[in-house]
Amino acid sequence: MDAELILFGLRVASAVLIVVFACVIGWLLVRELRAAAAEHQVQRRSFGSLVVMFDVDSKMVPTGKRFPLLPTTSLGRSPTNTIPVDDNFASSVHATITRRSDQWWLEDRRSRNGTTLNGIPVEKPAIITHGDIIGIGKMRYMIELMEN
């Protein structure tokens, strides 16, 4: 009977250890999911927007259509871009806007027809600011940055 009592105690202890192990694994999974969700929220947070513009009598006028500006925003003809550009002169991944060290950068991604910033061709990454106009093909986008 003494051996049976020891075996029963070992079974209970192993069952408790299994439950504790499962609880620790569950707690770690929940913690990781919360951290991933928080990171996703930061990535999806809008830092401003790109406003679609059109030319009326040589003056740029907003269309009312806007896209959120994310820490990494891609523009191009491919639907997988953050901002799909409906223009045959746009490359599949035409340009990117990235936030680095509290500054915004525009970079042409070796597009065939080039990208302009305020009418000037972008040949190397350029710093962009509120009110700048990005040109891709016939499309124009004005940068509206939010205050930090």
N, C-alpha and C. Protein backbone atom coordinates (compact mmCIF):
# COMPACT_ATOMS: atom_id res chain seq x y z
N MET A 1 0.81 -1.19 0.00
CA MET A 1 0.00 0.00 0.00
C MET A 1 0.85 1.26 0.00
N ASP A 2 1.99 1.17 0.58
CA ASP A 2 2.90 2.30 0.59
C ASP A 2 3.34 2.67 -0.83
N ALA A 3 3.61 1.67 -1.68
CA ALA A 3 4.03 1.90 -3.06
C ALA A 3 2.89 2.52 -3.87
N GLU A 4 1.65 2.04 -3.59
CA GLU A 4 0.49 2.59 -4.30
C GLU A 4 0.29 4.07 -3.95
N LEU A 5 0.53 4.43 -2.73
CA LEU A 5 0.39 5.82 -2.31
C LEU A 5 1.45 6.70 -2.97
N ILE A 6 2.67 6.18 -3.09
CA ILE A 6 3.74 6.93 -3.76
C ILE A 6 3.42 7.10 -5.24
N LEU A 7 2.95 6.02 -5.90
CA LEU A 7 2.58 6.12 -7.31
C LEU A 7 1.43 7.11 -7.53
N PHE A 8 0.44 7.08 -6.63
CA PHE A 8 -0.66 8.03 -6.74
C PHE A 8 -0.15 9.46 -6.59
N GLY A 9 0.74 9.70 -5.65
CA GLY A 9 1.33 11.02 -5.45
C GLY A 9 2.11 11.48 -6.68
N LEU A 10 2.84 10.55 -7.30
CA LEU A 10 3.58 10.89 -8.52
C LEU A 10 2.63 11.23 -9.67
N ARG A 11 1.53 10.49 -9.77
CA ARG A 11 0.55 10.77 -10.83
C ARG A 11 -0.07 12.17 -10.64
N VAL A 12 -0.42 12.48 -9.41
CA VAL A 12 -1.01 13.79 -9.11
C VAL A 12 0.01 14.90 -9.41
N ALA A 13 1.26 14.69 -9.00
CA ALA A 13 2.30 15.70 -9.24
C ALA A 13 2.54 15.89 -10.74
N SER A 14 2.57 14.78 -11.49
CA SER A 14 2.77 14.91 -12.94
C SER A 14 1.58 15.61 -13.60
N ALA A 15 0.37 15.32 -13.13
CA ALA A 15 -0.82 15.99 -13.68
C ALA A 15 -0.76 17.49 -13.39
N VAL A 16 -0.35 17.85 -12.18
CA VAL A 16 -0.23 19.27 -11.82
C VAL A 16 0.84 19.93 -12.69
N LEU A 17 1.97 19.27 -12.91
CA LEU A 17 3.02 19.83 -13.76
C LEU A 17 2.54 20.03 -15.20
N ILE A 18 1.77 19.08 -15.69
CA ILE A 18 1.24 19.21 -17.07
C ILE A 18 0.30 20.41 -17.16
N VAL A 19 -0.57 20.58 -16.16
CA VAL A 19 -1.49 21.71 -16.16
C VAL A 19 -0.73 23.03 -16.05
N VAL A 20 0.27 23.08 -15.18
CA VAL A 20 1.08 24.29 -15.04
C VAL A 20 1.80 24.59 -16.35
N PHE A 21 2.37 23.56 -17.00
CA PHE A 21 3.06 23.74 -18.28
C PHE A 21 2.10 24.28 -19.34
N ALA A 22 0.90 23.71 -19.41
CA ALA A 22 -0.09 24.18 -20.38
C ALA A 22 -0.48 25.63 -20.11
N CYS A 23 -0.63 25.99 -18.83
CA CYS A 23 -0.98 27.37 -18.48
C CYS A 23 0.14 28.34 -18.87
N VAL A 24 1.39 27.95 -18.63
CA VAL A 24 2.52 28.80 -19.00
C VAL A 24 2.57 28.98 -20.52
N ILE A 25 2.39 27.90 -21.27
CA ILE A 25 2.37 27.99 -22.74
C ILE A 25 1.23 28.90 -23.20
N GLY A 26 0.04 28.74 -22.62
CA GLY A 26 -1.09 29.59 -22.97
C GLY A 26 -0.81 31.05 -22.67
N TRP A 27 -0.23 31.33 -21.51
CA TRP A 27 0.10 32.70 -21.12
C TRP A 27 1.11 33.31 -22.09
N LEU A 28 2.15 32.52 -22.49
CA LEU A 28 3.14 33.01 -23.44
C LEU A 28 2.51 33.29 -24.81
N LEU A 29 1.61 32.42 -25.25
CA LEU A 29 0.93 32.65 -26.53
C LEU A 29 0.09 33.92 -26.50
N VAL A 30 -0.66 34.12 -25.43
CA VAL A 30 -1.49 35.33 -25.32
C VAL A 30 -0.60 36.57 -25.31
N ARG A 31 0.50 36.51 -24.57
CA ARG A 31 1.42 37.66 -24.52
C ARG A 31 2.00 37.96 -25.90
N GLU A 32 2.40 36.92 -26.64
CA GLU A 32 2.93 37.13 -27.99
C GLU A 32 1.87 37.68 -28.94
N LEU A 33 0.65 37.17 -28.84
CA LEU A 33 -0.43 37.68 -29.69
C LEU A 33 -0.72 39.15 -29.41
N ARG A 34 -0.71 39.52 -28.14
CA ARG A 34 -0.94 40.94 -27.80
C ARG A 34 0.19 41.82 -28.33
N ALA A 35 1.42 41.35 -28.21
CA ALA A 35 2.55 42.12 -28.73
C ALA A 35 2.47 42.25 -30.24
N ALA A 36 2.09 41.18 -30.92
CA ALA A 36 1.95 41.22 -32.38
C ALA A 36 0.82 42.16 -32.79
N ALA A 37 -0.28 42.12 -32.05
CA ALA A 37 -1.41 43.01 -32.36
C ALA A 37 -1.02 44.47 -32.15
N ALA A 38 -0.27 44.75 -31.09
CA ALA A 38 0.17 46.13 -30.83
C ALA A 38 1.11 46.60 -31.94
N GLU A 39 2.02 45.73 -32.37
CA GLU A 39 2.93 46.08 -33.47
C GLU A 39 2.16 46.32 -34.76
N HIS A 40 1.16 45.51 -35.01
CA HIS A 40 0.33 45.67 -36.20
C HIS A 40 -0.40 47.01 -36.17
N GLN A 41 -0.90 47.41 -35.01
CA GLN A 41 -1.58 48.70 -34.88
C GLN A 41 -0.63 49.85 -35.18
N VAL A 42 0.61 49.75 -34.70
CA VAL A 42 1.59 50.81 -34.98
C VAL A 42 1.86 50.87 -36.47
N GLN A 43 1.99 49.70 -37.11
CA GLN A 43 2.27 49.67 -38.54
C GLN A 43 1.09 50.21 -39.36
N ARG A 44 -0.13 50.00 -38.90
CA ARG A 44 -1.30 50.44 -39.65
C ARG A 44 -1.71 51.87 -39.29
N ARG A 45 -1.08 52.45 -38.27
CA ARG A 45 -1.42 53.82 -37.88
C ARG A 45 -1.08 54.78 -39.03
N SER A 46 -1.98 55.66 -39.30
CA SER A 46 -1.75 56.62 -40.37
C SER A 46 -0.95 57.81 -39.84
N PHE A 47 0.05 58.20 -40.59
CA PHE A 47 0.88 59.34 -40.23
C PHE A 47 0.52 60.56 -41.07
N GLY A 48 -0.48 60.41 -41.87
CA GLY A 48 -0.90 61.46 -42.78
C GLY A 48 -1.59 60.80 -43.96
N SER A 49 -1.61 61.48 -45.07
CA SER A 49 -2.25 60.90 -46.24
C SER A 49 -1.66 61.45 -47.53
N LEU A 50 -1.93 60.72 -48.59
CA LEU A 50 -1.63 61.18 -49.94
C LEU A 50 -2.97 61.51 -50.59
N VAL A 51 -3.12 62.73 -51.02
CA VAL A 51 -4.36 63.21 -51.62
C VAL A 51 -4.20 63.19 -53.13
N VAL A 52 -5.12 62.52 -53.81
CA VAL A 52 -5.08 62.47 -55.28
C VAL A 52 -5.47 63.84 -55.81
N MET A 53 -4.66 64.37 -56.72
CA MET A 53 -4.89 65.70 -57.29
C MET A 53 -5.14 65.56 -58.80
N PHE A 54 -5.77 66.58 -59.38
CA PHE A 54 -5.87 66.66 -60.84
C PHE A 54 -5.69 68.10 -61.29
N ASP A 55 -5.32 68.23 -62.52
CA ASP A 55 -4.97 69.53 -63.09
C ASP A 55 -6.21 70.19 -63.70
N VAL A 56 -6.52 71.39 -63.20
CA VAL A 56 -7.62 72.18 -63.76
C VAL A 56 -7.04 73.55 -64.09
N ASP A 57 -6.95 73.85 -65.38
CA ASP A 57 -6.42 75.14 -65.84
C ASP A 57 -5.05 75.43 -65.20
N SER A 58 -4.16 74.45 -65.27
CA SER A 58 -2.79 74.56 -64.74
C SER A 58 -2.73 74.77 -63.23
N LYS A 59 -3.79 74.36 -62.54
CA LYS A 59 -3.80 74.46 -61.09
C LYS A 59 -4.19 73.10 -60.53
N MET A 60 -3.43 72.62 -59.52
CA MET A 60 -3.70 71.32 -58.93
C MET A 60 -4.85 71.43 -57.93
N VAL A 61 -5.87 70.58 -58.12
CA VAL A 61 -7.07 70.60 -57.28
C VAL A 61 -7.27 69.19 -56.70
N PRO A 62 -7.56 69.07 -55.39
CA PRO A 62 -7.78 67.74 -54.81
C PRO A 62 -9.07 67.11 -55.33
N THR A 63 -9.03 65.80 -55.55
CA THR A 63 -10.21 65.06 -56.01
C THR A 63 -11.10 64.64 -54.86
N GLY A 64 -10.56 64.66 -53.64
CA GLY A 64 -11.30 64.18 -52.49
C GLY A 64 -10.90 62.76 -52.12
N LYS A 65 -10.21 62.08 -53.02
CA LYS A 65 -9.75 60.72 -52.73
C LYS A 65 -8.40 60.81 -52.03
N ARG A 66 -8.26 60.07 -50.93
CA ARG A 66 -7.01 60.10 -50.18
C ARG A 66 -6.66 58.70 -49.71
N PHE A 67 -5.37 58.48 -49.53
CA PHE A 67 -4.85 57.21 -49.06
C PHE A 67 -4.03 57.45 -47.80
N PRO A 68 -4.11 56.53 -46.82
CA PRO A 68 -3.31 56.71 -45.61
C PRO A 68 -1.82 56.54 -45.90
N LEU A 69 -1.02 57.33 -45.23
CA LEU A 69 0.43 57.25 -45.35
C LEU A 69 0.93 56.42 -44.19
N LEU A 70 1.57 55.30 -44.50
CA LEU A 70 2.07 54.37 -43.49
C LEU A 70 3.59 54.48 -43.41
N PRO A 71 4.23 53.89 -42.38
CA PRO A 71 5.69 53.99 -42.28
C PRO A 71 6.42 53.53 -43.54
N THR A 72 5.88 52.54 -44.22
CA THR A 72 6.38 52.14 -45.53
C THR A 72 5.18 52.08 -46.46
N THR A 73 5.14 52.96 -47.43
CA THR A 73 4.04 53.05 -48.38
C THR A 73 4.58 52.83 -49.78
N SER A 74 4.01 51.86 -50.48
CA SER A 74 4.45 51.60 -51.85
C SER A 74 3.38 52.09 -52.81
N LEU A 75 3.84 52.63 -53.95
CA LEU A 75 2.94 53.12 -54.98
C LEU A 75 3.30 52.41 -56.29
N GLY A 76 2.29 51.98 -57.01
CA GLY A 76 2.54 51.35 -58.29
C GLY A 76 1.28 50.74 -58.86
N ARG A 77 1.42 50.19 -60.06
CA ARG A 77 0.28 49.64 -60.78
C ARG A 77 -0.23 48.33 -60.18
N SER A 78 0.63 47.57 -59.52
CA SER A 78 0.25 46.29 -58.94
C SER A 78 -0.75 46.50 -57.80
N PRO A 79 -1.79 45.66 -57.72
CA PRO A 79 -2.78 45.81 -56.63
C PRO A 79 -2.21 45.47 -55.26
N THR A 80 -1.02 44.90 -55.19
CA THR A 80 -0.41 44.57 -53.90
C THR A 80 0.25 45.78 -53.24
N ASN A 81 0.35 46.90 -53.95
CA ASN A 81 0.92 48.11 -53.37
C ASN A 81 -0.01 48.70 -52.33
N THR A 82 0.56 49.48 -51.42
CA THR A 82 -0.26 50.19 -50.44
C THR A 82 -1.22 51.13 -51.16
N ILE A 83 -0.69 51.80 -52.19
CA ILE A 83 -1.51 52.70 -53.00
C ILE A 83 -1.39 52.26 -54.46
N PRO A 84 -2.43 51.59 -54.98
CA PRO A 84 -2.40 51.20 -56.39
C PRO A 84 -2.60 52.43 -57.29
N VAL A 85 -1.76 52.56 -58.30
CA VAL A 85 -1.81 53.70 -59.22
C VAL A 85 -2.45 53.22 -60.52
N ASP A 86 -3.59 53.81 -60.85
CA ASP A 86 -4.33 53.44 -62.05
C ASP A 86 -3.83 54.27 -63.23
N ASP A 87 -2.65 53.91 -63.73
CA ASP A 87 -2.05 54.64 -64.84
C ASP A 87 -1.12 53.68 -65.58
N ASN A 88 -1.26 53.61 -66.89
CA ASN A 88 -0.43 52.70 -67.68
C ASN A 88 1.05 53.10 -67.69
N PHE A 89 1.35 54.35 -67.33
CA PHE A 89 2.74 54.79 -67.28
C PHE A 89 3.42 54.43 -65.95
N ALA A 90 2.66 53.87 -65.01
CA ALA A 90 3.21 53.47 -63.72
C ALA A 90 3.77 52.06 -63.82
N SER A 91 4.90 51.83 -63.15
CA SER A 91 5.47 50.49 -63.06
C SER A 91 4.72 49.71 -61.99
N SER A 92 4.93 48.40 -61.95
CA SER A 92 4.21 47.58 -60.97
C SER A 92 4.53 48.02 -59.54
N VAL A 93 5.79 48.25 -59.22
CA VAL A 93 6.18 48.90 -57.96
C VAL A 93 6.98 50.11 -58.38
N HIS A 94 6.34 51.26 -58.40
CA HIS A 94 6.90 52.46 -59.01
C HIS A 94 7.78 53.26 -58.04
N ALA A 95 7.26 53.48 -56.83
CA ALA A 95 7.98 54.31 -55.85
C ALA A 95 7.59 53.88 -54.45
N THR A 96 8.43 54.25 -53.48
CA THR A 96 8.11 54.00 -52.08
C THR A 96 8.31 55.28 -51.28
N ILE A 97 7.49 55.40 -50.25
CA ILE A 97 7.64 56.47 -49.27
C ILE A 97 7.91 55.78 -47.94
N THR A 98 9.01 56.15 -47.30
CA THR A 98 9.35 55.53 -46.02
C THR A 98 9.65 56.59 -44.98
N ARG A 99 9.40 56.22 -43.75
CA ARG A 99 9.69 57.11 -42.63
C ARG A 99 10.96 56.60 -41.96
N ARG A 100 11.99 57.44 -41.95
CA ARG A 100 13.27 57.08 -41.32
C ARG A 100 13.73 58.27 -40.48
N SER A 101 14.01 58.01 -39.21
CA SER A 101 14.54 59.03 -38.30
C SER A 101 13.68 60.30 -38.32
N ASP A 102 12.38 60.13 -38.21
CA ASP A 102 11.42 61.24 -38.18
C ASP A 102 11.42 62.10 -39.43
N GLN A 103 11.90 61.55 -40.54
CA GLN A 103 11.81 62.24 -41.84
C GLN A 103 11.16 61.28 -42.83
N TRP A 104 10.50 61.86 -43.81
CA TRP A 104 9.85 61.07 -44.86
C TRP A 104 10.72 61.13 -46.11
N TRP A 105 10.88 59.97 -46.74
CA TRP A 105 11.73 59.85 -47.93
C TRP A 105 10.92 59.28 -49.08
N LEU A 106 11.12 59.83 -50.26
CA LEU A 106 10.53 59.32 -51.48
C LEU A 106 11.64 58.71 -52.31
N GLU A 107 11.39 57.50 -52.80
CA GLU A 107 12.40 56.81 -53.61
C GLU A 107 11.74 56.20 -54.84
N ASP A 108 12.30 56.51 -56.00
CA ASP A 108 11.85 55.87 -57.24
C ASP A 108 12.43 54.46 -57.25
N ARG A 109 11.61 53.46 -57.59
CA ARG A 109 12.04 52.07 -57.56
C ARG A 109 12.45 51.59 -58.95
N ARG A 110 13.31 52.38 -59.59
CA ARG A 110 13.80 52.08 -60.95
C ARG A 110 12.64 51.91 -61.93
N SER A 111 11.69 52.81 -61.82
CA SER A 111 10.54 52.76 -62.72
C SER A 111 10.96 53.18 -64.12
N ARG A 112 10.23 52.72 -65.09
CA ARG A 112 10.55 53.02 -66.49
C ARG A 112 10.34 54.49 -66.81
N ASN A 113 9.26 55.09 -66.29
CA ASN A 113 8.92 56.47 -66.64
C ASN A 113 9.27 57.48 -65.56
N GLY A 114 9.84 57.03 -64.46
CA GLY A 114 10.31 57.95 -63.43
C GLY A 114 9.22 58.49 -62.51
N THR A 115 9.69 59.09 -61.43
CA THR A 115 8.83 59.72 -60.42
C THR A 115 9.29 61.16 -60.29
N THR A 116 8.34 62.07 -60.06
CA THR A 116 8.72 63.47 -59.85
C THR A 116 8.30 63.91 -58.46
N LEU A 117 9.05 64.87 -57.95
CA LEU A 117 8.72 65.52 -56.68
C LEU A 117 8.68 67.01 -56.95
N ASN A 118 7.48 67.57 -56.87
CA ASN A 118 7.26 68.99 -57.19
C ASN A 118 7.75 69.31 -58.61
N GLY A 119 7.53 68.36 -59.53
CA GLY A 119 7.88 68.55 -60.94
C GLY A 119 9.32 68.23 -61.29
N ILE A 120 10.14 67.86 -60.32
CA ILE A 120 11.55 67.56 -60.56
C ILE A 120 11.75 66.04 -60.49
N PRO A 121 12.40 65.44 -61.48
CA PRO A 121 12.62 63.99 -61.45
C PRO A 121 13.40 63.55 -60.21
N VAL A 122 12.97 62.44 -59.61
CA VAL A 122 13.62 61.88 -58.43
C VAL A 122 14.64 60.85 -58.91
N GLU A 123 15.92 61.16 -58.73
CA GLU A 123 16.97 60.25 -59.17
C GLU A 123 17.59 59.48 -58.02
N LYS A 124 17.50 60.05 -56.82
CA LYS A 124 17.96 59.36 -55.61
C LYS A 124 16.96 59.67 -54.51
N PRO A 125 16.96 58.90 -53.40
CA PRO A 125 15.97 59.17 -52.35
C PRO A 125 15.97 60.63 -51.94
N ALA A 126 14.75 61.18 -51.81
CA ALA A 126 14.60 62.61 -51.49
C ALA A 126 13.69 62.77 -50.28
N ILE A 127 14.01 63.75 -49.45
CA ILE A 127 13.18 64.07 -48.30
C ILE A 127 11.93 64.79 -48.79
N ILE A 128 10.78 64.39 -48.27
CA ILE A 128 9.52 65.02 -48.64
C ILE A 128 8.89 65.66 -47.39
N THR A 129 8.11 66.70 -47.62
CA THR A 129 7.47 67.42 -46.53
C THR A 129 6.00 67.68 -46.87
N HIS A 130 5.29 68.22 -45.91
CA HIS A 130 3.87 68.53 -46.07
C HIS A 130 3.68 69.46 -47.27
N GLY A 131 2.74 69.11 -48.13
CA GLY A 131 2.41 69.94 -49.28
C GLY A 131 3.14 69.59 -50.56
N ASP A 132 4.16 68.72 -50.49
CA ASP A 132 4.88 68.31 -51.70
C ASP A 132 3.95 67.53 -52.62
N ILE A 133 4.23 67.60 -53.92
CA ILE A 133 3.43 66.90 -54.93
C ILE A 133 4.31 65.81 -55.56
N ILE A 134 3.82 64.56 -55.50
CA ILE A 134 4.49 63.43 -56.12
C ILE A 134 3.80 63.14 -57.44
N GLY A 135 4.59 62.96 -58.50
CA GLY A 135 4.04 62.64 -59.81
C GLY A 135 4.45 61.25 -60.26
N ILE A 136 3.46 60.45 -60.63
CA ILE A 136 3.69 59.13 -61.20
C ILE A 136 2.82 59.03 -62.44
N GLY A 137 3.45 58.99 -63.60
CA GLY A 137 2.68 59.02 -64.84
C GLY A 137 1.87 60.29 -64.90
N LYS A 138 0.57 60.16 -65.14
CA LYS A 138 -0.32 61.33 -65.17
C LYS A 138 -0.92 61.63 -63.80
N MET A 139 -0.68 60.74 -62.84
CA MET A 139 -1.26 60.91 -61.51
C MET A 139 -0.40 61.84 -60.65
N ARG A 140 -1.06 62.62 -59.79
CA ARG A 140 -0.39 63.52 -58.86
C ARG A 140 -0.97 63.29 -57.47
N TYR A 141 -0.07 63.28 -56.48
CA TYR A 141 -0.46 63.06 -55.09
C TYR A 141 0.17 64.13 -54.22
N MET A 142 -0.65 64.78 -53.39
CA MET A 142 -0.12 65.77 -52.47
C MET A 142 0.06 65.13 -51.10
N ILE A 143 1.20 65.42 -50.46
CA ILE A 143 1.50 64.87 -49.14
C ILE A 143 0.84 65.74 -48.07
N GLU A 144 0.07 65.11 -47.20
CA GLU A 144 -0.47 65.78 -46.01
C GLU A 144 0.03 65.01 -44.80
N LEU A 145 0.96 65.61 -44.06
CA LEU A 145 1.53 64.96 -42.89
C LEU A 145 0.82 65.42 -41.63
N MET A 146 0.64 64.49 -40.69
CA MET A 146 0.04 64.83 -39.41
C MET A 146 1.14 65.27 -38.46
N GLU A 147 0.76 66.10 -37.51
CA GLU A 147 1.69 66.53 -36.47
C GLU A 147 1.98 65.34 -35.57
N ASN A 148 3.24 65.21 -35.11
CA ASN A 148 3.59 64.10 -34.22
C ASN A 148 3.20 64.39 -32.81
